[in-house]
Every structure is written in structure tokens, then in C-alpha cells.
Amino acid sequence: MATATMNISLPEGLRDFVKDRVAEDHHGTPSAYMRTLIIQDKKRAAEERLEAMLLDGINSGEPIEVGDDYWDNFKDRLKQRMAAKSK
């Protein structure tokens, strides 16, 4: 993965907090600590989006029966869409 540099400005209190967390949690560097926080936040945001989509699905109307016939039909439609895109 290619990396790029990003500079951030922190008040002294936050800078000291980051330094302490790096030392306590063995992150190695402030950059590694920030990467960990960003990855955790990215995962949390993805989980929130998934939860919202699931709730939308739950609230979208009457439930349908999902059995073997449903999945066979779904797979067929998906294959047709993929074949149409590859043309």
C-alpha cells in the first residue's frame, strides 16, 4: 500500500496524550497510533452503514420467503447481469 504524508496540528494537551498513548500501548510512533485510530473509525463507520442498510431492509415492507428457489433465481439473474456487463 502506498503511503502519503499528512501533517496535523494538535494542541499541546492532545500532543502529550498521543505521546503517552504511544508509549503505553507500544504503537511505536504517533503515526502508527493515528493509523490504528483511523482504521478503527473506518471500521466503525462501515458497521454503521451496514446497520443502517439492514434496518432499511427490515423496514422496507412485508418479509418474503427465501428458500432454494429464491437463491437459484437470484444466482441466475446475477449471472445474466454479469454476462451483459462483459459484452
PDB file of N, CA and C in Angstrom:
ATOM      1  N   MET A   1       0.852  -1.171   0.000  1.00  0.00           N
ATOM      2  CA  MET A   1       0.000   0.000   0.000  1.00  0.00           C
ATOM      3  C   MET A   1       0.897   1.234   0.000  1.00  0.00           C
ATOM      4  N   ALA A   2       0.666   2.137  -0.929  1.00  0.00           N
ATOM      5  CA  ALA A   2       1.421   3.380  -0.994  1.00  0.00           C
ATOM      6  C   ALA A   2       1.023   4.271   0.175  1.00  0.00           C
ATOM      7  N   THR A   3       1.974   5.000   0.677  1.00  0.00           N
ATOM      8  CA  THR A   3       1.675   5.909   1.780  1.00  0.00           C
ATOM      9  C   THR A   3       1.923   7.337   1.349  1.00  0.00           C
ATOM     10  N   ALA A   4       1.213   8.233   1.993  1.00  0.00           N
ATOM     11  CA  ALA A   4       1.374   9.662   1.749  1.00  0.00           C
ATOM     12  C   ALA A   4       1.488  10.344   3.101  1.00  0.00           C
ATOM     13  N   THR A   5       2.141  11.463   3.119  1.00  0.00           N
ATOM     14  CA  THR A   5       2.325  12.208   4.356  1.00  0.00           C
ATOM     15  C   THR A   5       1.185  13.182   4.548  1.00  0.00           C
ATOM     16  N   MET A   6       0.705  13.252   5.794  1.00  0.00           N
ATOM     17  CA  MET A   6      -0.330  14.209   6.162  1.00  0.00           C
ATOM     18  C   MET A   6       0.080  14.800   7.508  1.00  0.00           C
ATOM     19  N   ASN A   7       0.207  16.089   7.552  1.00  0.00           N
ATOM     20  CA  ASN A   7       0.564  16.755   8.804  1.00  0.00           C
ATOM     21  C   ASN A   7      -0.694  17.217   9.516  1.00  0.00           C
ATOM     22  N   ILE A   8      -0.728  17.026  10.825  1.00  0.00           N
ATOM     23  CA  ILE A   8      -1.852  17.517  11.611  1.00  0.00           C
ATOM     24  C   ILE A   8      -1.323  18.382  12.743  1.00  0.00           C
ATOM     25  N   SER A   9      -2.116  19.341  13.131  1.00  0.00           N
ATOM     26  CA  SER A   9      -1.759  20.215  14.246  1.00  0.00           C
ATOM     27  C   SER A   9      -2.614  19.842  15.440  1.00  0.00           C
ATOM     28  N   LEU A  10      -1.968  19.688  16.589  1.00  0.00           N
ATOM     29  CA  LEU A  10      -2.675  19.346  17.819  1.00  0.00           C
ATOM     30  C   LEU A  10      -2.318  20.337  18.909  1.00  0.00           C
ATOM     31  N   PRO A  11      -3.283  20.669  19.749  1.00  0.00           N
ATOM     32  CA  PRO A  11      -2.938  21.461  20.925  1.00  0.00           C
ATOM     33  C   PRO A  11      -1.968  20.650  21.796  1.00  0.00           C
ATOM     34  N   GLU A  12      -1.231  21.332  22.612  1.00  0.00           N
ATOM     35  CA  GLU A  12      -0.200  20.677  23.420  1.00  0.00           C
ATOM     36  C   GLU A  12      -0.762  19.524  24.255  1.00  0.00           C
ATOM     37  N   GLY A  13      -1.937  19.709  24.824  1.00  0.00           N
ATOM     38  CA  GLY A  13      -2.530  18.660  25.649  1.00  0.00           C
ATOM     39  C   GLY A  13      -2.809  17.390  24.861  1.00  0.00           C
ATOM     40  N   LEU A  14      -3.311  17.538  23.635  1.00  0.00           N
ATOM     41  CA  LEU A  14      -3.560  16.367  22.798  1.00  0.00           C
ATOM     42  C   LEU A  14      -2.255  15.740  22.324  1.00  0.00           C
ATOM     43  N   ARG A  15      -1.293  16.569  22.006  1.00  0.00           N
ATOM     44  CA  ARG A  15       0.014  16.043  21.595  1.00  0.00           C
ATOM     45  C   ARG A  15       0.612  15.193  22.705  1.00  0.00           C
ATOM     46  N   ASP A  16       0.537  15.696  23.948  1.00  0.00           N
ATOM     47  CA  ASP A  16       1.059  14.941  25.086  1.00  0.00           C
ATOM     48  C   ASP A  16       0.284  13.634  25.278  1.00  0.00           C
ATOM     49  N   PHE A  17      -1.028  13.693  25.084  1.00  0.00           N
ATOM     50  CA  PHE A  17      -1.850  12.492  25.206  1.00  0.00           C
ATOM     51  C   PHE A  17      -1.414  11.447  24.182  1.00  0.00           C
ATOM     52  N   VAL A  18      -1.211  11.877  22.938  1.00  0.00           N
ATOM     53  CA  VAL A  18      -0.777  10.953  21.883  1.00  0.00           C
ATOM     54  C   VAL A  18       0.568  10.337  22.251  1.00  0.00           C
ATOM     55  N   LYS A  19       1.497  11.148  22.707  1.00  0.00           N
ATOM     56  CA  LYS A  19       2.810  10.628  23.105  1.00  0.00           C
ATOM     57  C   LYS A  19       2.673   9.591  24.209  1.00  0.00           C
ATOM     58  N   ASP A  20       1.821   9.875  25.191  1.00  0.00           N
ATOM     59  CA  ASP A  20       1.612   8.932  26.293  1.00  0.00           C
ATOM     60  C   ASP A  20       0.999   7.625  25.787  1.00  0.00           C
ATOM     61  N   ARG A  21       0.014   7.717  24.901  1.00  0.00           N
ATOM     62  CA  ARG A  21      -0.641   6.514  24.368  1.00  0.00           C
ATOM     63  C   ARG A  21       0.342   5.675  23.554  1.00  0.00           C
ATOM     64  N   VAL A  22       1.198   6.339  22.802  1.00  0.00           N
ATOM     65  CA  VAL A  22       2.203   5.624  22.014  1.00  0.00           C
ATOM     66  C   VAL A  22       3.117   4.841  22.951  1.00  0.00           C
ATOM     67  N   ALA A  23       3.539   5.485  24.036  1.00  0.00           N
ATOM     68  CA  ALA A  23       4.431   4.825  24.989  1.00  0.00           C
ATOM     69  C   ALA A  23       3.719   3.690  25.733  1.00  0.00           C
ATOM     70  N   GLU A  24       2.470   3.916  26.132  1.00  0.00           N
ATOM     71  CA  GLU A  24       1.727   2.921  26.916  1.00  0.00           C
ATOM     72  C   GLU A  24       1.312   1.711  26.087  1.00  0.00           C
ATOM     73  N   ASP A  25       0.877   1.939  24.876  1.00  0.00           N
ATOM     74  CA  ASP A  25       0.311   0.863  24.060  1.00  0.00           C
ATOM     75  C   ASP A  25       1.289   0.279  23.052  1.00  0.00           C
ATOM     76  N   HIS A  26       2.528   0.722  23.084  1.00  0.00           N
ATOM     77  CA  HIS A  26       3.571   0.183  22.211  1.00  0.00           C
ATOM     78  C   HIS A  26       3.223   0.310  20.729  1.00  0.00           C
ATOM     79  N   HIS A  27       2.687   1.458  20.342  1.00  0.00           N
ATOM     80  CA  HIS A  27       2.374   1.697  18.932  1.00  0.00           C
ATOM     81  C   HIS A  27       3.632   1.982  18.125  1.00  0.00           C
ATOM     82  N   GLY A  28       4.678   2.384  18.781  1.00  0.00           N
ATOM     83  CA  GLY A  28       5.922   2.665  18.084  1.00  0.00           C
ATOM     84  C   GLY A  28       6.082   4.127  17.734  1.00  0.00           C
ATOM     85  N   THR A  29       5.107   4.672  17.019  1.00  0.00           N
ATOM     86  CA  THR A  29       5.188   6.071  16.598  1.00  0.00           C
ATOM     87  C   THR A  29       3.801   6.700  16.676  1.00  0.00           C
ATOM     88  N   PRO A  30       3.761   8.032  16.752  1.00  0.00           N
ATOM     89  CA  PRO A  30       2.458   8.692  16.683  1.00  0.00           C
ATOM     90  C   PRO A  30       1.712   8.360  15.386  1.00  0.00           C
ATOM     91  N   SER A  31       2.435   8.208  14.282  1.00  0.00           N
ATOM     92  CA  SER A  31       1.790   7.859  13.011  1.00  0.00           C
ATOM     93  C   SER A  31       1.105   6.501  13.101  1.00  0.00           C
ATOM     94  N   ALA A  32       1.761   5.530  13.717  1.00  0.00           N
ATOM     95  CA  ALA A  32       1.161   4.202  13.868  1.00  0.00           C
ATOM     96  C   ALA A  32      -0.082   4.277  14.744  1.00  0.00           C
ATOM     97  N   TYR A  33      -0.025   5.078  15.793  1.00  0.00           N
ATOM     98  CA  TYR A  33      -1.188   5.256  16.671  1.00  0.00           C
ATOM     99  C   TYR A  33      -2.350   5.877  15.896  1.00  0.00           C
ATOM    100  N   MET A  34      -2.064   6.919  15.126  1.00  0.00           N
ATOM    101  CA  MET A  34      -3.111   7.582  14.348  1.00  0.00           C
ATOM    102  C   MET A  34      -3.684   6.630  13.293  1.00  0.00           C
ATOM    103  N   ARG A  35      -2.829   5.837  12.641  1.00  0.00           N
ATOM    104  CA  ARG A  35      -3.320   4.853  11.668  1.00  0.00           C
ATOM    105  C   ARG A  35      -4.287   3.875  12.332  1.00  0.00           C
ATOM    106  N   THR A  36      -3.923   3.408  13.531  1.00  0.00           N
ATOM    107  CA  THR A  36      -4.793   2.487  14.266  1.00  0.00           C
ATOM    108  C   THR A  36      -6.142   3.128  14.544  1.00  0.00           C
ATOM    109  N   LEU A  37      -6.140   4.377  14.998  1.00  0.00           N
ATOM    110  CA  LEU A  37      -7.394   5.074  15.288  1.00  0.00           C
ATOM    111  C   LEU A  37      -8.236   5.259  14.027  1.00  0.00           C
ATOM    112  N   ILE A  38      -7.594   5.608  12.934  1.00  0.00           N
ATOM    113  CA  ILE A  38      -8.318   5.838  11.682  1.00  0.00           C
ATOM    114  C   ILE A  38      -8.913   4.527  11.165  1.00  0.00           C
ATOM    115  N   ILE A  39      -8.155   3.442  11.238  1.00  0.00           N
ATOM    116  CA  ILE A  39      -8.663   2.137  10.803  1.00  0.00           C
ATOM    117  C   ILE A  39      -9.857   1.726  11.656  1.00  0.00           C
ATOM    118  N   GLN A  40      -9.761   1.938  12.972  1.00  0.00           N
ATOM    119  CA  GLN A  40     -10.883   1.617  13.862  1.00  0.00           C
ATOM    120  C   GLN A  40     -12.108   2.459  13.512  1.00  0.00           C
ATOM    121  N   ASP A  41     -11.905   3.739  13.228  1.00  0.00           N
ATOM    122  CA  ASP A  41     -13.021   4.619  12.885  1.00  0.00           C
ATOM    123  C   ASP A  41     -13.635   4.224  11.545  1.00  0.00           C
ATOM    124  N   LYS A  42     -12.784   3.849  10.598  1.00  0.00           N
ATOM    125  CA  LYS A  42     -13.273   3.409   9.284  1.00  0.00           C
ATOM    126  C   LYS A  42     -14.137   2.160   9.439  1.00  0.00           C
ATOM    127  N   LYS A  43     -13.690   1.220  10.273  1.00  0.00           N
ATOM    128  CA  LYS A  43     -14.466   0.001  10.527  1.00  0.00           C
ATOM    129  C   LYS A  43     -15.792   0.341  11.197  1.00  0.00           C
ATOM    130  N   ARG A  44     -15.766   1.233  12.170  1.00  0.00           N
ATOM    131  CA  ARG A  44     -16.985   1.643  12.872  1.00  0.00           C
ATOM    132  C   ARG A  44     -17.972   2.281  11.903  1.00  0.00           C
ATOM    133  N   ALA A  45     -17.472   3.141  11.011  1.00  0.00           N
ATOM    134  CA  ALA A  45     -18.337   3.803  10.030  1.00  0.00           C
ATOM    135  C   ALA A  45     -18.960   2.777   9.081  1.00  0.00           C
ATOM    136  N   ALA A  46     -18.178   1.774   8.665  1.00  0.00           N
ATOM    137  CA  ALA A  46     -18.707   0.727   7.784  1.00  0.00           C
ATOM    138  C   ALA A  46     -19.788  -0.079   8.501  1.00  0.00           C
ATOM    139  N   GLU A  47     -19.567  -0.373   9.780  1.00  0.00           N
ATOM    140  CA  GLU A  47     -20.570  -1.106  10.561  1.00  0.00           C
ATOM    141  C   GLU A  47     -21.851  -0.293  10.697  1.00  0.00           C
ATOM    142  N   GLU A  48     -21.721   1.017  10.883  1.00  0.00           N
ATOM    143  CA  GLU A  48     -22.904   1.879  10.975  1.00  0.00           C
ATOM    144  C   GLU A  48     -23.675   1.896   9.656  1.00  0.00           C
ATOM    145  N   ARG A  49     -22.945   1.959   8.522  1.00  0.00           N
ATOM    146  CA  ARG A  49     -23.610   1.938   7.214  1.00  0.00           C
ATOM    147  C   ARG A  49     -24.334   0.612   6.998  1.00  0.00           C
ATOM    148  N   LEU A  50     -23.672  -0.489   7.367  1.00  0.00           N
ATOM    149  CA  LEU A  50     -24.298  -1.800   7.219  1.00  0.00           C
ATOM    150  C   LEU A  50     -25.544  -1.905   8.094  1.00  0.00           C
ATOM    151  N   GLU A  51     -25.447  -1.441   9.325  1.00  0.00           N
ATOM    152  CA  GLU A  51     -26.604  -1.475  10.221  1.00  0.00           C
ATOM    153  C   GLU A  51     -27.759  -0.654   9.650  1.00  0.00           C
ATOM    154  N   ALA A  52     -27.449   0.515   9.098  1.00  0.00           N
ATOM    155  CA  ALA A  52     -28.495   1.356   8.503  1.00  0.00           C
ATOM    156  C   ALA A  52     -29.150   0.646   7.321  1.00  0.00           C
ATOM    157  N   MET A  53     -28.347  -0.021   6.484  1.00  0.00           N
ATOM    158  CA  MET A  53     -28.910  -0.753   5.349  1.00  0.00           C
ATOM    159  C   MET A  53     -29.777  -1.921   5.823  1.00  0.00           C
ATOM    160  N   LEU A  54     -29.326  -2.610   6.866  1.00  0.00           N
ATOM    161  CA  LEU A  54     -30.126  -3.713   7.402  1.00  0.00           C
ATOM    162  C   LEU A  54     -31.450  -3.208   7.953  1.00  0.00           C
ATOM    163  N   LEU A  55     -31.408  -2.085   8.669  1.00  0.00           N
ATOM    164  CA  LEU A  55     -32.645  -1.511   9.195  1.00  0.00           C
ATOM    165  C   LEU A  55     -33.569  -1.068   8.069  1.00  0.00           C
ATOM    166  N   ASP A  56     -32.996  -0.488   7.005  1.00  0.00           N
ATOM    167  CA  ASP A  56     -33.807  -0.119   5.836  1.00  0.00           C
ATOM    168  C   ASP A  56     -34.495  -1.355   5.261  1.00  0.00           C
ATOM    169  N   GLY A  57     -33.753  -2.454   5.175  1.00  0.00           N
ATOM    170  CA  GLY A  57     -34.330  -3.685   4.658  1.00  0.00           C
ATOM    171  C   GLY A  57     -35.441  -4.212   5.549  1.00  0.00           C
ATOM    172  N   ILE A  58     -35.212  -4.179   6.849  1.00  0.00           N
ATOM    173  CA  ILE A  58     -36.229  -4.644   7.797  1.00  0.00           C
ATOM    174  C   ILE A  58     -37.491  -3.806   7.689  1.00  0.00           C
ATOM    175  N   ASN A  59     -37.318  -2.507   7.501  1.00  0.00           N
ATOM    176  CA  ASN A  59     -38.456  -1.589   7.459  1.00  0.00           C
ATOM    177  C   ASN A  59     -39.037  -1.404   6.059  1.00  0.00           C
ATOM    178  N   SER A  60     -38.569  -2.179   5.079  1.00  0.00           N
ATOM    179  CA  SER A  60     -38.968  -1.943   3.688  1.00  0.00           C
ATOM    180  C   SER A  60     -40.312  -2.556   3.312  1.00  0.00           C
ATOM    181  N   GLY A  61     -40.871  -3.350   4.152  1.00  0.00           N
ATOM    182  CA  GLY A  61     -42.170  -3.935   3.818  1.00  0.00           C
ATOM    183  C   GLY A  61     -42.311  -5.334   4.369  1.00  0.00           C
ATOM    184  N   GLU A  62     -43.267  -6.023   3.808  1.00  0.00           N
ATOM    185  CA  GLU A  62     -43.550  -7.384   4.254  1.00  0.00           C
ATOM    186  C   GLU A  62     -42.362  -8.299   3.934  1.00  0.00           C
ATOM    187  N   PRO A  63     -42.044  -9.205   4.837  1.00  0.00           N
ATOM    188  CA  PRO A  63     -40.944 -10.145   4.570  1.00  0.00           C
ATOM    189  C   PRO A  63     -41.323 -11.124   3.462  1.00  0.00           C
ATOM    190  N   ILE A  64     -40.303 -11.636   2.791  1.00  0.00           N
ATOM    191  CA  ILE A  64     -40.537 -12.636   1.753  1.00  0.00           C
ATOM    192  C   ILE A  64     -39.879 -13.941   2.179  1.00  0.00           C
ATOM    193  N   GLU A  65     -40.384 -15.034   1.664  1.00  0.00           N
ATOM    194  CA  GLU A  65     -39.809 -16.350   1.934  1.00  0.00           C
ATOM    195  C   GLU A  65     -38.548 -16.507   1.087  1.00  0.00           C
ATOM    196  N   VAL A  66     -37.446 -16.856   1.714  1.00  0.00           N
ATOM    197  CA  VAL A  66     -36.185 -17.028   0.999  1.00  0.00           C
ATOM    198  C   VAL A  66     -35.767 -18.488   1.147  1.00  0.00           C
ATOM    199  N   GLY A  67     -35.987 -19.235   0.075  1.00  0.00           N
ATOM    200  CA  GLY A  67     -35.623 -20.650   0.056  1.00  0.00           C
ATOM    201  C   GLY A  67     -34.718 -20.941  -1.127  1.00  0.00           C
ATOM    202  N   ASP A  68     -34.585 -22.208  -1.442  1.00  0.00           N
ATOM    203  CA  ASP A  68     -33.701 -22.619  -2.540  1.00  0.00           C
ATOM    204  C   ASP A  68     -34.117 -22.003  -3.876  1.00  0.00           C
ATOM    205  N   ASP A  69     -35.420 -21.952  -4.140  1.00  0.00           N
ATOM    206  CA  ASP A  69     -35.901 -21.361  -5.396  1.00  0.00           C
ATOM    207  C   ASP A  69     -35.496 -19.895  -5.506  1.00  0.00           C
ATOM    208  N   TYR A  70     -35.614 -19.171  -4.411  1.00  0.00           N
ATOM    209  CA  TYR A  70     -35.239 -17.754  -4.404  1.00  0.00           C
ATOM    210  C   TYR A  70     -33.765 -17.615  -4.778  1.00  0.00           C
ATOM    211  N   TRP A  71     -32.893 -18.394  -4.113  1.00  0.00           N
ATOM    212  CA  TRP A  71     -31.457 -18.265  -4.354  1.00  0.00           C
ATOM    213  C   TRP A  71     -31.078 -18.709  -5.764  1.00  0.00           C
ATOM    214  N   ASP A  72     -31.723 -19.752  -6.268  1.00  0.00           N
ATOM    215  CA  ASP A  72     -31.451 -20.178  -7.643  1.00  0.00           C
ATOM    216  C   ASP A  72     -31.807 -19.066  -8.630  1.00  0.00           C
ATOM    217  N   ASN A  73     -32.962 -18.453  -8.439  1.00  0.00           N
ATOM    218  CA  ASN A  73     -33.407 -17.346  -9.289  1.00  0.00           C
ATOM    219  C   ASN A  73     -32.447 -16.165  -9.164  1.00  0.00           C
ATOM    220  N   PHE A  74     -32.037 -15.863  -7.940  1.00  0.00           N
ATOM    221  CA  PHE A  74     -31.116 -14.753  -7.692  1.00  0.00           C
ATOM    222  C   PHE A  74     -29.793 -14.988  -8.425  1.00  0.00           C
ATOM    223  N   LYS A  75     -29.247 -16.194  -8.311  1.00  0.00           N
ATOM    224  CA  LYS A  75     -27.983 -16.518  -8.978  1.00  0.00           C
ATOM    225  C   LYS A  75     -28.114 -16.390 -10.497  1.00  0.00           C
ATOM    226  N   ASP A  76     -29.236 -16.863 -11.037  1.00  0.00           N
ATOM    227  CA  ASP A  76     -29.459 -16.751 -12.486  1.00  0.00           C
ATOM    228  C   ASP A  76     -29.490 -15.292 -12.935  1.00  0.00           C
ATOM    229  N   ARG A  77     -30.208 -14.456 -12.189  1.00  0.00           N
ATOM    230  CA  ARG A  77     -30.282 -13.023 -12.538  1.00  0.00           C
ATOM    231  C   ARG A  77     -28.902 -12.380 -12.440  1.00  0.00           C
ATOM    232  N   LEU A  78     -28.143 -12.740 -11.428  1.00  0.00           N
ATOM    233  CA  LEU A  78     -26.805 -12.185 -11.256  1.00  0.00           C
ATOM    234  C   LEU A  78     -25.897 -12.597 -12.411  1.00  0.00           C
ATOM    235  N   LYS A  79     -25.956 -13.851 -12.809  1.00  0.00           N
ATOM    236  CA  LYS A  79     -25.145 -14.320 -13.937  1.00  0.00           C
ATOM    237  C   LYS A  79     -25.507 -13.576 -15.215  1.00  0.00           C
ATOM    238  N   GLN A  80     -26.804 -13.341 -15.429  1.00  0.00           N
ATOM    239  CA  GLN A  80     -27.247 -12.609 -16.616  1.00  0.00           C
ATOM    240  C   GLN A  80     -26.718 -11.181 -16.601  1.00  0.00           C
ATOM    241  N   ARG A  81     -26.777 -10.533 -15.442  1.00  0.00           N
ATOM    242  CA  ARG A  81     -26.270  -9.153 -15.339  1.00  0.00           C
ATOM    243  C   ARG A  81     -24.770  -9.103 -15.580  1.00  0.00           C
ATOM    244  N   MET A  82     -24.038 -10.069 -15.038  1.00  0.00           N
ATOM    245  CA  MET A  82     -22.588 -10.095 -15.224  1.00  0.00           C
ATOM    246  C   MET A  82     -22.240 -10.351 -16.694  1.00  0.00           C
ATOM    247  N   ALA A  83     -22.987 -11.229 -17.343  1.00  0.00           N
ATOM    248  CA  ALA A  83     -22.747 -11.519 -18.760  1.00  0.00           C
ATOM    249  C   ALA A  83     -23.030 -10.288 -19.611  1.00  0.00           C
ATOM    250  N   ALA A  84     -24.082  -9.552 -19.277  1.00  0.00           N
ATOM    251  CA  ALA A  84     -24.426  -8.340 -20.032  1.00  0.00           C
ATOM    252  C   ALA A  84     -23.350  -7.272 -19.864  1.00  0.00           C
ATOM    253  N   LYS A  85     -22.756  -7.183 -18.685  1.00  0.00           N
ATOM    254  CA  LYS A  85     -21.707  -6.183 -18.440  1.00  0.00           C
ATOM    255  C   LYS A  85     -20.423  -6.523 -19.184  1.00  0.00           C
ATOM    256  N   SER A  86     -20.151  -7.805 -19.377  1.00  0.00           N
ATOM    257  CA  SER A  86     -18.892  -8.202 -20.016  1.00  0.00           C
ATOM    258  C   SER A  86     -18.928  -8.069 -21.535  1.00  0.00           C
ATOM    259  N   LYS A  87     -20.093  -7.744 -22.098  1.00  0.00           N
ATOM    260  CA  LYS A  87     -20.206  -7.590 -23.563  1.00  0.00           C
ATOM    261  C   LYS A  87     -19.750  -6.237 -24.004  1.00  0.00           C
TER     262      LYS A  87
END
